[in-house]
PDB file of N, CA and C in Angstrom:
ATOM      1  N   UNK A   1     103.709 107.350 140.155  1.00  0.00           N
ATOM      2  CA  UNK A   1     102.383 107.247 139.600  1.00  0.00           C
ATOM      3  C   UNK A   1     101.889 105.796 139.602  1.00  0.00           C
ATOM      4  N   UNK A   2     102.814 104.903 139.290  1.00  0.00           N
ATOM      5  CA  UNK A   2     102.476 103.483 139.252  1.00  0.00           C
ATOM      6  C   UNK A   2     102.045 103.006 140.643  1.00  0.00           C
ATOM      7  N   UNK A   3     102.715 103.432 141.680  1.00  0.00           N
ATOM      8  CA  UNK A   3     102.397 103.037 143.048  1.00  0.00           C
ATOM      9  C   UNK A   3     101.010 103.542 143.459  1.00  0.00           C
ATOM     10  N   UNK A   4     100.650 104.736 143.072  1.00  0.00           N
ATOM     11  CA  UNK A   4      99.344 105.305 143.384  1.00  0.00           C
ATOM     12  C   UNK A   4      98.251 104.486 142.686  1.00  0.00           C
ATOM     13  N   UNK A   5      98.506 104.152 141.439  1.00  0.00           N
ATOM     14  CA  UNK A   5      97.532 103.348 140.702  1.00  0.00           C
ATOM     15  C   UNK A   5      97.349 101.966 141.348  1.00  0.00           C
ATOM     16  N   UNK A   6      98.447 101.318 141.742  1.00  0.00           N
ATOM     17  CA  UNK A   6      98.353 100.003 142.390  1.00  0.00           C
ATOM     18  C   UNK A   6      97.615 100.085 143.716  1.00  0.00           C
ATOM     19  N   UNK A   7      97.881 101.096 144.498  1.00  0.00           N
ATOM     20  CA  UNK A   7      97.168 101.265 145.771  1.00  0.00           C
ATOM     21  C   UNK A   7      95.670 101.477 145.531  1.00  0.00           C
ATOM     22  N   UNK A   8      95.355 102.323 144.567  1.00  0.00           N
ATOM     23  CA  UNK A   8      93.949 102.574 144.245  1.00  0.00           C
ATOM     24  C   UNK A   8      93.274 101.292 143.769  1.00  0.00           C
ATOM     25  N   UNK A   9      93.942 100.572 142.877  1.00  0.00           N
ATOM     26  CA  UNK A   9      93.396  99.319 142.339  1.00  0.00           C
ATOM     27  C   UNK A   9      93.185  98.290 143.447  1.00  0.00           C
ATOM     28  N   UNK A  10      94.161  98.108 144.303  1.00  0.00           N
ATOM     29  CA  UNK A  10      94.027  97.160 145.418  1.00  0.00           C
ATOM     30  C   UNK A  10      92.926  97.584 146.388  1.00  0.00           C
ATOM     31  N   UNK A  11      92.801  98.878 146.638  1.00  0.00           N
ATOM     32  CA  UNK A  11      91.737  99.378 147.511  1.00  0.00           C
ATOM     33  C   UNK A  11      90.369  99.068 146.922  1.00  0.00           C
ATOM     34  N   UNK A  12      90.225  99.294 145.626  1.00  0.00           N
ATOM     35  CA  UNK A  12      88.945  99.012 144.967  1.00  0.00           C
ATOM     36  C   UNK A  12      88.627  97.521 145.023  1.00  0.00           C
ATOM     37  N   UNK A  13      89.605  96.675 144.745  1.00  0.00           N
ATOM     38  CA  UNK A  13      89.392  95.224 144.763  1.00  0.00           C
ATOM     39  C   UNK A  13      89.036  94.747 146.167  1.00  0.00           C
ATOM     40  N   UNK A  14      89.745  95.202 147.173  1.00  0.00           N
ATOM     41  CA  UNK A  14      89.472  94.791 148.559  1.00  0.00           C
ATOM     42  C   UNK A  14      88.081  95.269 148.989  1.00  0.00           C
ATOM     43  N   UNK A  15      87.729  96.492 148.657  1.00  0.00           N
ATOM     44  CA  UNK A  15      86.393  96.997 149.007  1.00  0.00           C
ATOM     45  C   UNK A  15      85.296  96.203 148.303  1.00  0.00           C
ATOM     46  N   UNK A  16      85.525  95.863 147.030  1.00  0.00           N
ATOM     47  CA  UNK A  16      84.552  95.064 146.295  1.00  0.00           C
ATOM     48  C   UNK A  16      84.381  93.689 146.930  1.00  0.00           C
ATOM     49  N   UNK A  17      85.482  93.034 147.285  1.00  0.00           N
ATOM     50  CA  UNK A  17      85.401  91.706 147.922  1.00  0.00           C
ATOM     51  C   UNK A  17      84.717  91.775 149.283  1.00  0.00           C
ATOM     52  N   UNK A  18      85.049  92.799 150.067  1.00  0.00           N
ATOM     53  CA  UNK A  18      84.418  92.941 151.381  1.00  0.00           C
ATOM     54  C   UNK A  18      82.915  93.185 151.241  1.00  0.00           C
ATOM     55  N   UNK A  19      82.538  94.020 150.292  1.00  0.00           N
ATOM     56  CA  UNK A  19      81.119  94.296 150.057  1.00  0.00           C
ATOM     57  C   UNK A  19      80.393  93.043 149.586  1.00  0.00           C
ATOM     58  N   UNK A  20      81.035  92.285 148.698  1.00  0.00           N
ATOM     59  CA  UNK A  20      80.423  91.042 148.210  1.00  0.00           C
ATOM     60  C   UNK A  20      80.209  90.049 149.343  1.00  0.00           C
ATOM     61  N   UNK A  21      81.201  89.896 150.218  1.00  0.00           N
ATOM     62  CA  UNK A  21      81.056  88.980 151.350  1.00  0.00           C
ATOM     63  C   UNK A  21      79.962  89.436 152.307  1.00  0.00           C
ATOM     64  N   UNK A  22      79.892  90.722 152.567  1.00  0.00           N
ATOM     65  CA  UNK A  22      78.872  91.261 153.460  1.00  0.00           C
ATOM     66  C   UNK A  22      77.475  91.050 152.894  1.00  0.00           C
ATOM     67  N   UNK A  23      77.289  91.369 151.623  1.00  0.00           N
ATOM     68  CA  UNK A  23      75.979  91.186 150.997  1.00  0.00           C
ATOM     69  C   UNK A  23      75.621  89.701 150.926  1.00  0.00           C
ATOM     70  N   UNK A  24      76.599  88.838 150.633  1.00  0.00           N
ATOM     71  CA  UNK A  24      76.356  87.393 150.609  1.00  0.00           C
ATOM     72  C   UNK A  24      75.920  86.860 151.960  1.00  0.00           C
ATOM     73  N   UNK A  25      76.548  87.333 153.023  1.00  0.00           N
ATOM     74  CA  UNK A  25      76.165  86.902 154.371  1.00  0.00           C
ATOM     75  C   UNK A  25      74.762  87.346 154.742  1.00  0.00           C
ATOM     76  N   UNK A  26      74.433  88.576 154.410  1.00  0.00           N
ATOM     77  CA  UNK A  26      73.090  89.086 154.689  1.00  0.00           C
ATOM     78  C   UNK A  26      72.053  88.300 153.894  1.00  0.00           C
ATOM     79  N   UNK A  27      72.352  88.047 152.627  1.00  0.00           N
ATOM     80  CA  UNK A  27      71.432  87.294 151.775  1.00  0.00           C
ATOM     81  C   UNK A  27      71.229  85.875 152.303  1.00  0.00           C
ATOM     82  N   UNK A  28      72.303  85.232 152.758  1.00  0.00           N
ATOM     83  CA  UNK A  28      72.203  83.876 153.302  1.00  0.00           C
ATOM     84  C   UNK A  28      71.307  83.849 154.535  1.00  0.00           C
ATOM     85  N   UNK A  29      71.480  84.813 155.444  1.00  0.00           N
ATOM     86  CA  UNK A  29      70.643  84.881 156.641  1.00  0.00           C
ATOM     87  C   UNK A  29      69.176  85.095 156.276  1.00  0.00           C
ATOM     88  N   UNK A  30      68.942  85.955 155.305  1.00  0.00           N
ATOM     89  CA  UNK A  30      67.571  86.243 154.876  1.00  0.00           C
ATOM     90  C   UNK A  30      66.916  84.995 154.285  1.00  0.00           C
ATOM     91  N   UNK A  31      67.635  84.251 153.458  1.00  0.00           N
ATOM     92  CA  UNK A  31      67.106  83.036 152.845  1.00  0.00           C
ATOM     93  C   UNK A  31      66.827  81.972 153.906  1.00  0.00           C
ATOM     94  N   UNK A  32      67.733  81.795 154.863  1.00  0.00           N
ATOM     95  CA  UNK A  32      67.515  80.807 155.920  1.00  0.00           C
ATOM     96  C   UNK A  32      66.282  81.151 156.744  1.00  0.00           C
ATOM     97  N   UNK A  33      66.115  82.426 157.064  1.00  0.00           N
ATOM     98  CA  UNK A  33      64.952  82.854 157.834  1.00  0.00           C
ATOM     99  C   UNK A  33      63.665  82.626 157.044  1.00  0.00           C
ATOM    100  N   UNK A  34      63.694  82.928 155.761  1.00  0.00           N
ATOM    101  CA  UNK A  34      62.520  82.737 154.909  1.00  0.00           C
ATOM    102  C   UNK A  34      62.184  81.256 154.784  1.00  0.00           C
ATOM    103  N   UNK A  35      63.190  80.412 154.607  1.00  0.00           N
ATOM    104  CA  UNK A  35      62.960  78.970 154.521  1.00  0.00           C
ATOM    105  C   UNK A  35      62.371  78.421 155.817  1.00  0.00           C
ATOM    106  N   UNK A  36      62.869  78.886 156.950  1.00  0.00           N
ATOM    107  CA  UNK A  36      62.350  78.426 158.235  1.00  0.00           C
ATOM    108  C   UNK A  36      60.887  78.830 158.397  1.00  0.00           C
ATOM    109  N   UNK A  37      60.569  80.070 158.007  1.00  0.00           N
ATOM    110  CA  UNK A  37      59.191  80.541 158.093  1.00  0.00           C
ATOM    111  C   UNK A  37      58.284  79.740 157.156  1.00  0.00           C
ATOM    112  N   UNK A  38      58.791  79.429 155.971  1.00  0.00           N
ATOM    113  CA  UNK A  38      58.033  78.648 154.993  1.00  0.00           C
ATOM    114  C   UNK A  38      57.743  77.243 155.528  1.00  0.00           C
ATOM    115  N   UNK A  39      58.762  76.587 156.098  1.00  0.00           N
ATOM    116  CA  UNK A  39      58.546  75.253 156.667  1.00  0.00           C
ATOM    117  C   UNK A  39      57.553  75.297 157.819  1.00  0.00           C
ATOM    118  N   UNK A  40      57.685  76.286 158.680  1.00  0.00           N
ATOM    119  CA  UNK A  40      56.762  76.418 159.806  1.00  0.00           C
ATOM    120  C   UNK A  40      55.328  76.597 159.317  1.00  0.00           C
ATOM    121  N   UNK A  41      55.132  77.427 158.312  1.00  0.00           N
ATOM    122  CA  UNK A  41      53.790  77.638 157.766  1.00  0.00           C
ATOM    123  C   UNK A  41      53.234  76.361 157.145  1.00  0.00           C
ATOM    124  N   UNK A  42      54.068  75.637 156.418  1.00  0.00           N
ATOM    125  CA  UNK A  42      53.620  74.373 155.813  1.00  0.00           C
ATOM    126  C   UNK A  42      53.213  73.389 156.895  1.00  0.00           C
ATOM    127  N   UNK A  43      54.023  73.263 157.938  1.00  0.00           N
ATOM    128  CA  UNK A  43      53.717  72.305 158.997  1.00  0.00           C
ATOM    129  C   UNK A  43      52.464  72.690 159.760  1.00  0.00           C
ATOM    130  N   UNK A  44      52.309  73.963 160.062  1.00  0.00           N
ATOM    131  CA  UNK A  44      51.111  74.390 160.784  1.00  0.00           C
ATOM    132  C   UNK A  44      49.850  74.162 159.957  1.00  0.00           C
ATOM    133  N   UNK A  45      49.915  74.464 158.669  1.00  0.00           N
ATOM    134  CA  UNK A  45      48.738  74.243 157.827  1.00  0.00           C
ATOM    135  C   UNK A  45      48.461  72.749 157.665  1.00  0.00           C
ATOM    136  N   UNK A  46      49.501  71.938 157.566  1.00  0.00           N
ATOM    137  CA  UNK A  46      49.322  70.487 157.470  1.00  0.00           C
ATOM    138  C   UNK A  46      48.691  69.934 158.735  1.00  0.00           C
ATOM    139  N   UNK A  47      49.154  70.401 159.888  1.00  0.00           N
ATOM    140  CA  UNK A  47      48.574  69.952 161.161  1.00  0.00           C
ATOM    141  C   UNK A  47      47.102  70.325 161.236  1.00  0.00           C
ATOM    142  N   UNK A  48      46.769  71.546 160.859  1.00  0.00           N
ATOM    143  CA  UNK A  48      45.366  71.958 160.945  1.00  0.00           C
ATOM    144  C   UNK A  48      44.503  71.162 159.967  1.00  0.00           C
ATOM    145  N   UNK A  49      45.012  70.868 158.769  1.00  0.00           N
ATOM    146  CA  UNK A  49      44.254  70.056 157.810  1.00  0.00           C
ATOM    147  C   UNK A  49      44.048  68.648 158.356  1.00  0.00           C
ATOM    148  N   UNK A  50      45.091  68.051 158.890  1.00  0.00           N
ATOM    149  CA  UNK A  50      44.982  66.680 159.401  1.00  0.00           C
ATOM    150  C   UNK A  50      44.046  66.622 160.601  1.00  0.00           C
ATOM    151  N   UNK A  51      44.209  67.552 161.539  1.00  0.00           N
ATOM    152  CA  UNK A  51      43.330  67.538 162.709  1.00  0.00           C
ATOM    153  C   UNK A  51      41.879  67.780 162.312  1.00  0.00           C
ATOM    154  N   UNK A  52      41.658  68.618 161.314  1.00  0.00           N
ATOM    155  CA  UNK A  52      40.294  68.867 160.841  1.00  0.00           C
ATOM    156  C   UNK A  52      39.713  67.623 160.183  1.00  0.00           C
ATOM    157  N   UNK A  53      40.506  66.953 159.362  1.00  0.00           N
ATOM    158  CA  UNK A  53      40.037  65.754 158.662  1.00  0.00           C
ATOM    159  C   UNK A  53      39.833  64.574 159.612  1.00  0.00           C
ATOM    160  N   UNK A  54      40.707  64.446 160.599  1.00  0.00           N
ATOM    161  CA  UNK A  54      40.628  63.305 161.513  1.00  0.00           C
ATOM    162  C   UNK A  54      39.673  63.540 162.676  1.00  0.00           C
ATOM    163  N   UNK A  55      39.252  64.770 162.855  1.00  0.00           N
ATOM    164  CA  UNK A  55      38.424  65.118 164.012  1.00  0.00           C
ATOM    165  C   UNK A  55      37.138  64.327 164.126  1.00  0.00           C
ATOM    166  N   UNK A  56      36.492  64.021 163.017  1.00  0.00           N
ATOM    167  CA  UNK A  56      35.202  63.335 163.040  1.00  0.00           C
ATOM    168  C   UNK A  56      35.320  61.819 162.916  1.00  0.00           C
ATOM    169  N   UNK A  57      36.522  61.335 162.648  1.00  0.00           N
ATOM    170  CA  UNK A  57      36.703  59.898 162.425  1.00  0.00           C
ATOM    171  C   UNK A  57      37.180  59.201 163.692  1.00  0.00           C
ATOM    172  N   UNK A  58      36.835  57.926 163.854  1.00  0.00           N
ATOM    173  CA  UNK A  58      37.386  57.166 164.977  1.00  0.00           C
ATOM    174  C   UNK A  58      38.879  56.890 164.721  1.00  0.00           C
ATOM    175  N   UNK A  59      39.671  56.778 165.778  1.00  0.00           N
ATOM    176  CA  UNK A  59      41.117  56.567 165.618  1.00  0.00           C
ATOM    177  C   UNK A  59      41.493  55.334 164.792  1.00  0.00           C
ATOM    178  N   UNK A  60      40.626  54.363 164.717  1.00  0.00           N
ATOM    179  CA  UNK A  60      40.952  53.160 163.933  1.00  0.00           C
ATOM    180  C   UNK A  60      41.040  53.466 162.434  1.00  0.00           C
ATOM    181  N   UNK A  61      40.425  54.548 161.983  1.00  0.00           N
ATOM    182  CA  UNK A  61      40.443  54.900 160.565  1.00  0.00           C
ATOM    183  C   UNK A  61      41.481  55.968 160.204  1.00  0.00           C
ATOM    184  N   UNK A  62      42.227  56.437 161.190  1.00  0.00           N
ATOM    185  CA  UNK A  62      43.152  57.532 160.966  1.00  0.00           C
ATOM    186  C   UNK A  62      44.256  57.177 159.979  1.00  0.00           C
ATOM    187  N   UNK A  63      44.805  55.957 160.061  1.00  0.00           N
ATOM    188  CA  UNK A  63      45.888  55.569 159.159  1.00  0.00           C
ATOM    189  C   UNK A  63      45.414  55.565 157.706  1.00  0.00           C
ATOM    190  N   UNK A  64      44.187  55.053 157.486  1.00  0.00           N
ATOM    191  CA  UNK A  64      43.643  55.042 156.127  1.00  0.00           C
ATOM    192  C   UNK A  64      43.415  56.465 155.619  1.00  0.00           C
ATOM    193  N   UNK A  65      42.900  57.328 156.491  1.00  0.00           N
ATOM    194  CA  UNK A  65      42.645  58.712 156.102  1.00  0.00           C
ATOM    195  C   UNK A  65      43.956  59.449 155.818  1.00  0.00           C
ATOM    196  N   UNK A  66      45.001  59.168 156.621  1.00  0.00           N
ATOM    197  CA  UNK A  66      46.310  59.793 156.379  1.00  0.00           C
ATOM    198  C   UNK A  66      46.877  59.329 155.044  1.00  0.00           C
ATOM    199  N   UNK A  67      46.669  58.067 154.702  1.00  0.00           N
ATOM    200  CA  UNK A  67      47.124  57.560 153.397  1.00  0.00           C
ATOM    201  C   UNK A  67      46.381  58.253 152.264  1.00  0.00           C
ATOM    202  N   UNK A  68      45.093  58.485 152.455  1.00  0.00           N
ATOM    203  CA  UNK A  68      44.296  59.159 151.435  1.00  0.00           C
ATOM    204  C   UNK A  68      44.736  60.619 151.278  1.00  0.00           C
ATOM    205  N   UNK A  69      45.068  61.263 152.387  1.00  0.00           N
ATOM    206  CA  UNK A  69      45.469  62.670 152.361  1.00  0.00           C
ATOM    207  C   UNK A  69      46.884  62.876 151.828  1.00  0.00           C
ATOM    208  N   UNK A  70      47.693  61.838 151.805  1.00  0.00           N
ATOM    209  CA  UNK A  70      49.099  61.963 151.413  1.00  0.00           C
ATOM    210  C   UNK A  70      49.276  62.650 150.062  1.00  0.00           C
ATOM    211  N   UNK A  71      48.397  62.368 149.110  1.00  0.00           N
ATOM    212  CA  UNK A  71      48.512  62.979 147.793  1.00  0.00           C
ATOM    213  C   UNK A  71      48.137  64.446 147.769  1.00  0.00           C
ATOM    214  N   UNK A  72      47.369  64.895 148.753  1.00  0.00           N
ATOM    215  CA  UNK A  72      46.902  66.285 148.781  1.00  0.00           C
ATOM    216  C   UNK A  72      47.815  67.212 149.579  1.00  0.00           C
ATOM    217  N   UNK A  73      48.688  66.640 150.389  1.00  0.00           N
ATOM    218  CA  UNK A  73      49.530  67.446 151.267  1.00  0.00           C
ATOM    219  C   UNK A  73      50.908  67.672 150.651  1.00  0.00           C
ATOM    220  N   UNK A  74      51.542  68.798 150.978  1.00  0.00           N
ATOM    221  CA  UNK A  74      52.834  69.112 150.372  1.00  0.00           C
ATOM    222  C   UNK A  74      54.013  68.313 150.927  1.00  0.00           C
ATOM    223  N   UNK A  75      53.816  67.610 152.040  1.00  0.00           N
ATOM    224  CA  UNK A  75      54.889  66.822 152.650  1.00  0.00           C
ATOM    225  C   UNK A  75      54.379  65.414 152.950  1.00  0.00           C
ATOM    226  N   UNK A  76      55.261  64.408 152.956  1.00  0.00           N
ATOM    227  CA  UNK A  76      54.831  63.059 153.310  1.00  0.00           C
ATOM    228  C   UNK A  76      54.422  62.986 154.784  1.00  0.00           C
ATOM    229  N   UNK A  77      53.262  62.393 155.053  1.00  0.00           N
ATOM    230  CA  UNK A  77      52.689  62.371 156.403  1.00  0.00           C
ATOM    231  C   UNK A  77      52.295  60.956 156.778  1.00  0.00           C
ATOM    232  N   UNK A  78      52.489  60.622 158.052  1.00  0.00           N
ATOM    233  CA  UNK A  78      51.986  59.362 158.586  1.00  0.00           C
ATOM    234  C   UNK A  78      51.574  59.568 160.039  1.00  0.00           C
ATOM    235  N   UNK A  79      50.706  58.694 160.523  1.00  0.00           N
ATOM    236  CA  UNK A  79      50.207  58.757 161.905  1.00  0.00           C
ATOM    237  C   UNK A  79      50.860  57.615 162.675  1.00  0.00           C
ATOM    238  N   UNK A  80      51.403  57.930 163.864  1.00  0.00           N
ATOM    239  CA  UNK A  80      52.040  56.907 164.692  1.00  0.00           C
ATOM    240  C   UNK A  80      51.689  57.132 166.154  1.00  0.00           C
ATOM    241  N   UNK A  81      51.943  56.111 166.973  1.00  0.00           N
ATOM    242  CA  UNK A  81      51.722  56.200 168.422  1.00  0.00           C
ATOM    243  C   UNK A  81      52.754  57.133 169.048  1.00  0.00           C
ATOM    244  N   UNK A  82      52.419  57.716 170.203  1.00  0.00           N
ATOM    245  CA  UNK A  82      53.313  58.661 170.873  1.00  0.00           C
ATOM    246  C   UNK A  82      54.656  58.056 171.271  1.00  0.00           C
ATOM    247  N   UNK A  83      54.697  56.833 171.721  1.00  0.00           N
ATOM    248  CA  UNK A  83      55.941  56.232 172.196  1.00  0.00           C
ATOM    249  C   UNK A  83      56.788  55.610 171.107  1.00  0.00           C
ATOM    250  N   UNK A  84      56.510  55.900 169.858  1.00  0.00           N
ATOM    251  CA  UNK A  84      57.197  55.269 168.731  1.00  0.00           C
ATOM    252  C   UNK A  84      58.690  55.607 168.686  1.00  0.00           C
ATOM    253  N   UNK A  85      59.053  56.824 169.062  1.00  0.00           N
ATOM    254  CA  UNK A  85      60.449  57.259 169.015  1.00  0.00           C
ATOM    255  C   UNK A  85      60.934  57.567 170.417  1.00  0.00           C
ATOM    256  N   UNK A  86      62.190  57.250 170.682  1.00  0.00           N
ATOM    257  CA  UNK A  86      62.759  57.575 171.989  1.00  0.00           C
ATOM    258  C   UNK A  86      63.228  59.029 171.952  1.00  0.00           C
ATOM    259  N   UNK A  87      62.660  59.822 172.854  1.00  0.00           N
ATOM    260  CA  UNK A  87      62.936  61.256 172.908  1.00  0.00           C
ATOM    261  C   UNK A  87      63.565  61.621 174.236  1.00  0.00           C
ATOM    262  N   UNK A  88      64.290  62.730 174.252  1.00  0.00           N
ATOM    263  CA  UNK A  88      64.812  63.239 175.518  1.00  0.00           C
ATOM    264  C   UNK A  88      63.639  63.761 176.352  1.00  0.00           C
ATOM    265  N   UNK A  89      63.871  63.953 177.636  1.00  0.00           N
ATOM    266  CA  UNK A  89      62.808  64.432 178.525  1.00  0.00           C
ATOM    267  C   UNK A  89      62.303  65.812 178.079  1.00  0.00           C
ATOM    268  N   UNK A  90      63.211  66.651 177.643  1.00  0.00           N
ATOM    269  CA  UNK A  90      62.827  67.991 177.190  1.00  0.00           C
ATOM    270  C   UNK A  90      61.970  67.919 175.930  1.00  0.00           C
ATOM    271  N   UNK A  91      62.362  67.080 174.981  1.00  0.00           N
ATOM    272  CA  UNK A  91      61.565  66.929 173.760  1.00  0.00           C
ATOM    273  C   UNK A  91      60.211  66.286 174.045  1.00  0.00           C
ATOM    274  N   UNK A  92      60.173  65.356 174.986  1.00  0.00           N
ATOM    275  CA  UNK A  92      58.910  64.712 175.353  1.00  0.00           C
ATOM    276  C   UNK A  92      57.933  65.732 175.935  1.00  0.00           C
ATOM    277  N   UNK A  93      58.427  66.620 176.797  1.00  0.00           N
ATOM    278  CA  UNK A  93      57.577  67.666 177.372  1.00  0.00           C
ATOM    279  C   UNK A  93      57.089  68.626 176.291  1.00  0.00           C
ATOM    280  N   UNK A  94      57.985  68.985 175.375  1.00  0.00           N
ATOM    281  CA  UNK A  94      57.599  69.884 174.282  1.00  0.00           C
ATOM    282  C   UNK A  94      56.550  69.243 173.385  1.00  0.00           C
ATOM    283  N   UNK A  95      56.708  67.952 173.129  1.00  0.00           N
ATOM    284  CA  UNK A  95      55.740  67.235 172.303  1.00  0.00           C
ATOM    285  C   UNK A  95      54.379  67.194 172.983  1.00  0.00           C
ATOM    286  N   UNK A  96      54.360  66.967 174.287  1.00  0.00           N
ATOM    287  CA  UNK A  96      53.100  66.934 175.036  1.00  0.00           C
ATOM    288  C   UNK A  96      52.431  68.300 175.071  1.00  0.00           C
ATOM    289  N   UNK A  97      53.239  69.383 175.017  1.00  0.00           N
ATOM    290  CA  UNK A  97      52.670  70.736 174.983  1.00  0.00           C
ATOM    291  C   UNK A  97      52.089  71.074 173.617  1.00  0.00           C
ATOM    292  N   UNK A  98      52.475  70.319 172.591  1.00  0.00           N
ATOM    293  CA  UNK A  98      51.955  70.579 171.258  1.00  0.00           C
ATOM    294  C   UNK A  98      52.955  71.213 170.312  1.00  0.00           C
ATOM    295  N   UNK A  99      54.224  71.230 170.691  1.00  0.00           N
ATOM    296  CA  UNK A  99      55.250  71.797 169.819  1.00  0.00           C
ATOM    297  C   UNK A  99      55.618  70.814 168.711  1.00  0.00           C
ATOM    298  N   UNK A 100      56.227  71.326 167.672  1.00  0.00           N
ATOM    299  CA  UNK A 100      56.737  70.499 166.586  1.00  0.00           C
ATOM    300  C   UNK A 100      58.197  70.176 166.907  1.00  0.00           C
ATOM    301  N   UNK A 101      58.539  68.888 166.895  1.00  0.00           N
ATOM    302  CA  UNK A 101      59.874  68.427 167.263  1.00  0.00           C
ATOM    303  C   UNK A 101      60.588  67.915 166.017  1.00  0.00           C
ATOM    304  N   UNK A 102      61.861  68.269 165.854  1.00  0.00           N
ATOM    305  CA  UNK A 102      62.688  67.774 164.759  1.00  0.00           C
ATOM    306  C   UNK A 102      63.550  66.633 165.269  1.00  0.00           C
ATOM    307  N   UNK A 103      63.451  65.483 164.620  1.00  0.00           N
ATOM    308  CA  UNK A 103      64.352  64.366 164.878  1.00  0.00           C
ATOM    309  C   UNK A 103      65.390  64.385 163.763  1.00  0.00           C
ATOM    310  N   UNK A 104      66.494  65.061 164.026  1.00  0.00           N
ATOM    311  CA  UNK A 104      67.484  65.332 163.000  1.00  0.00           C
ATOM    312  C   UNK A 104      68.109  64.053 162.448  1.00  0.00           C
ATOM    313  N   UNK A 105      68.361  63.071 163.312  1.00  0.00           N
ATOM    314  CA  UNK A 105      68.995  61.833 162.850  1.00  0.00           C
ATOM    315  C   UNK A 105      68.098  61.032 161.904  1.00  0.00           C
ATOM    316  N   UNK A 106      66.787  61.164 162.049  1.00  0.00           N
ATOM    317  CA  UNK A 106      65.839  60.454 161.185  1.00  0.00           C
ATOM    318  C   UNK A 106      65.284  61.337 160.075  1.00  0.00           C
ATOM    319  N   UNK A 107      65.491  62.651 160.182  1.00  0.00           N
ATOM    320  CA  UNK A 107      64.964  63.580 159.179  1.00  0.00           C
ATOM    321  C   UNK A 107      63.456  63.719 159.260  1.00  0.00           C
ATOM    322  N   UNK A 108      62.900  63.612 160.476  1.00  0.00           N
ATOM    323  CA  UNK A 108      61.452  63.671 160.685  1.00  0.00           C
ATOM    324  C   UNK A 108      61.081  64.843 161.580  1.00  0.00           C
ATOM    325  N   UNK A 109      59.896  65.355 161.345  1.00  0.00           N
ATOM    326  CA  UNK A 109      59.257  66.287 162.271  1.00  0.00           C
ATOM    327  C   UNK A 109      58.061  65.563 162.850  1.00  0.00           C
ATOM    328  N   UNK A 110      57.845  65.722 164.154  1.00  0.00           N
ATOM    329  CA  UNK A 110      56.687  65.081 164.792  1.00  0.00           C
ATOM    330  C   UNK A 110      55.893  66.126 165.569  1.00  0.00           C
ATOM    331  N   UNK A 111      54.586  65.858 165.659  1.00  0.00           N
ATOM    332  CA  UNK A 111      53.676  66.754 166.377  1.00  0.00           C
ATOM    333  C   UNK A 111      52.535  65.911 166.943  1.00  0.00           C
ATOM    334  N   UNK A 112      52.215  66.117 168.198  1.00  0.00           N
ATOM    335  CA  UNK A 112      51.148  65.365 168.845  1.00  0.00           C
ATOM    336  C   UNK A 112      49.784  65.865 168.378  1.00  0.00           C
ATOM    337  N   UNK A 113      48.898  64.922 168.098  1.00  0.00           N
ATOM    338  CA  UNK A 113      47.518  65.277 167.764  1.00  0.00           C
ATOM    339  C   UNK A 113      46.814  65.578 169.075  1.00  0.00           C
ATOM    340  N   UNK A 114      46.215  66.740 169.151  1.00  0.00           N
ATOM    341  CA  UNK A 114      45.624  67.265 170.383  1.00  0.00           C
ATOM    342  C   UNK A 114      44.671  66.258 171.031  1.00  0.00           C
ATOM    343  N   UNK A 115      44.851  66.024 172.346  1.00  0.00           N
ATOM    344  CA  UNK A 115      43.997  65.176 173.177  1.00  0.00           C
ATOM    345  C   UNK A 115      43.942  63.717 172.719  1.00  0.00           C
ATOM    346  N   UNK A 116      45.044  63.216 172.159  1.00  0.00           N
ATOM    347  CA  UNK A 116      45.117  61.809 171.756  1.00  0.00           C
ATOM    348  C   UNK A 116      46.491  61.258 172.129  1.00  0.00           C
ATOM    349  N   UNK A 117      46.662  59.964 171.914  1.00  0.00           N
ATOM    350  CA  UNK A 117      47.973  59.345 172.108  1.00  0.00           C
ATOM    351  C   UNK A 117      48.633  59.054 170.759  1.00  0.00           C
ATOM    352  N   UNK A 118      48.267  59.820 169.759  1.00  0.00           N
ATOM    353  CA  UNK A 118      48.808  59.680 168.405  1.00  0.00           C
ATOM    354  C   UNK A 118      49.604  60.933 168.043  1.00  0.00           C
ATOM    355  N   UNK A 119      50.490  60.787 167.064  1.00  0.00           N
ATOM    356  CA  UNK A 119      51.244  61.940 166.583  1.00  0.00           C
ATOM    357  C   UNK A 119      51.353  61.888 165.065  1.00  0.00           C
ATOM    358  N   UNK A 120      51.522  63.062 164.488  1.00  0.00           N
ATOM    359  CA  UNK A 120      51.709  63.197 163.053  1.00  0.00           C
ATOM    360  C   UNK A 120      53.212  63.263 162.806  1.00  0.00           C
ATOM    361  N   UNK A 121      53.697  62.488 161.838  1.00  0.00           N
ATOM    362  CA  UNK A 121      55.117  62.489 161.472  1.00  0.00           C
ATOM    363  C   UNK A 121      55.255  62.955 160.031  1.00  0.00           C
ATOM    364  N   UNK A 122      56.082  63.971 159.825  1.00  0.00           N
ATOM    365  CA  UNK A 122      56.391  64.427 158.472  1.00  0.00           C
ATOM    366  C   UNK A 122      57.797  63.978 158.182  1.00  0.00           C
ATOM    367  N   UNK A 123      57.992  63.420 157.050  1.00  0.00           N
ATOM    368  CA  UNK A 123      59.385  63.145 156.796  1.00  0.00           C
ATOM    369  C   UNK A 123      59.581  62.227 155.649  1.00  0.00           C
ATOM    370  N   UNK A 124      60.604  61.997 155.579  1.00  0.00           N
ATOM    371  CA  UNK A 124      62.031  62.058 155.573  1.00  0.00           C
ATOM    372  C   UNK A 124      62.483  63.277 154.779  1.00  0.00           C
ATOM    373  N   UNK A 125      63.080  64.203 155.511  1.00  0.00           N
ATOM    374  CA  UNK A 125      63.660  65.390 154.909  1.00  0.00           C
ATOM    375  C   UNK A 125      65.176  65.271 155.015  1.00  0.00           C
ATOM    376  N   UNK A 126      65.847  65.568 153.968  1.00  0.00           N
ATOM    377  CA  UNK A 126      67.311  65.500 153.973  1.00  0.00           C
ATOM    378  C   UNK A 126      67.851  66.926 153.941  1.00  0.00           C
ATOM    379  N   UNK A 127      68.633  67.248 154.949  1.00  0.00           N
ATOM    380  CA  UNK A 127      69.166  68.613 155.066  1.00  0.00           C
ATOM    381  C   UNK A 127      70.585  68.658 154.562  1.00  0.00           C
TER     382      UNK A 127
END
């Protein structure tokens, strides 16, 4: 009788641990996906706000306008020249197409402002 009870108890414990690990893994994947979607939405909305605000201004005033907007945006933003960071050829092409690039070593995201030689930099994010 004791052996049957121990087998049953061990089976229940192992099943509970396996279920906990499985649910934890699923939950982790779901949270990572949600966080990625949230960051993407924030960056896209920030880009559209900045491009809308800077659209009517001459490029000489963009840095001042970005400083003014810093308090209204959810992430720290600055405007820099396109050649400011050394990028791989693949990242350079993606940046020219209008994609958002992550510079992991610097903790920055960069995005080219459409039809200009300037880019928007969000950062310093610590992962």
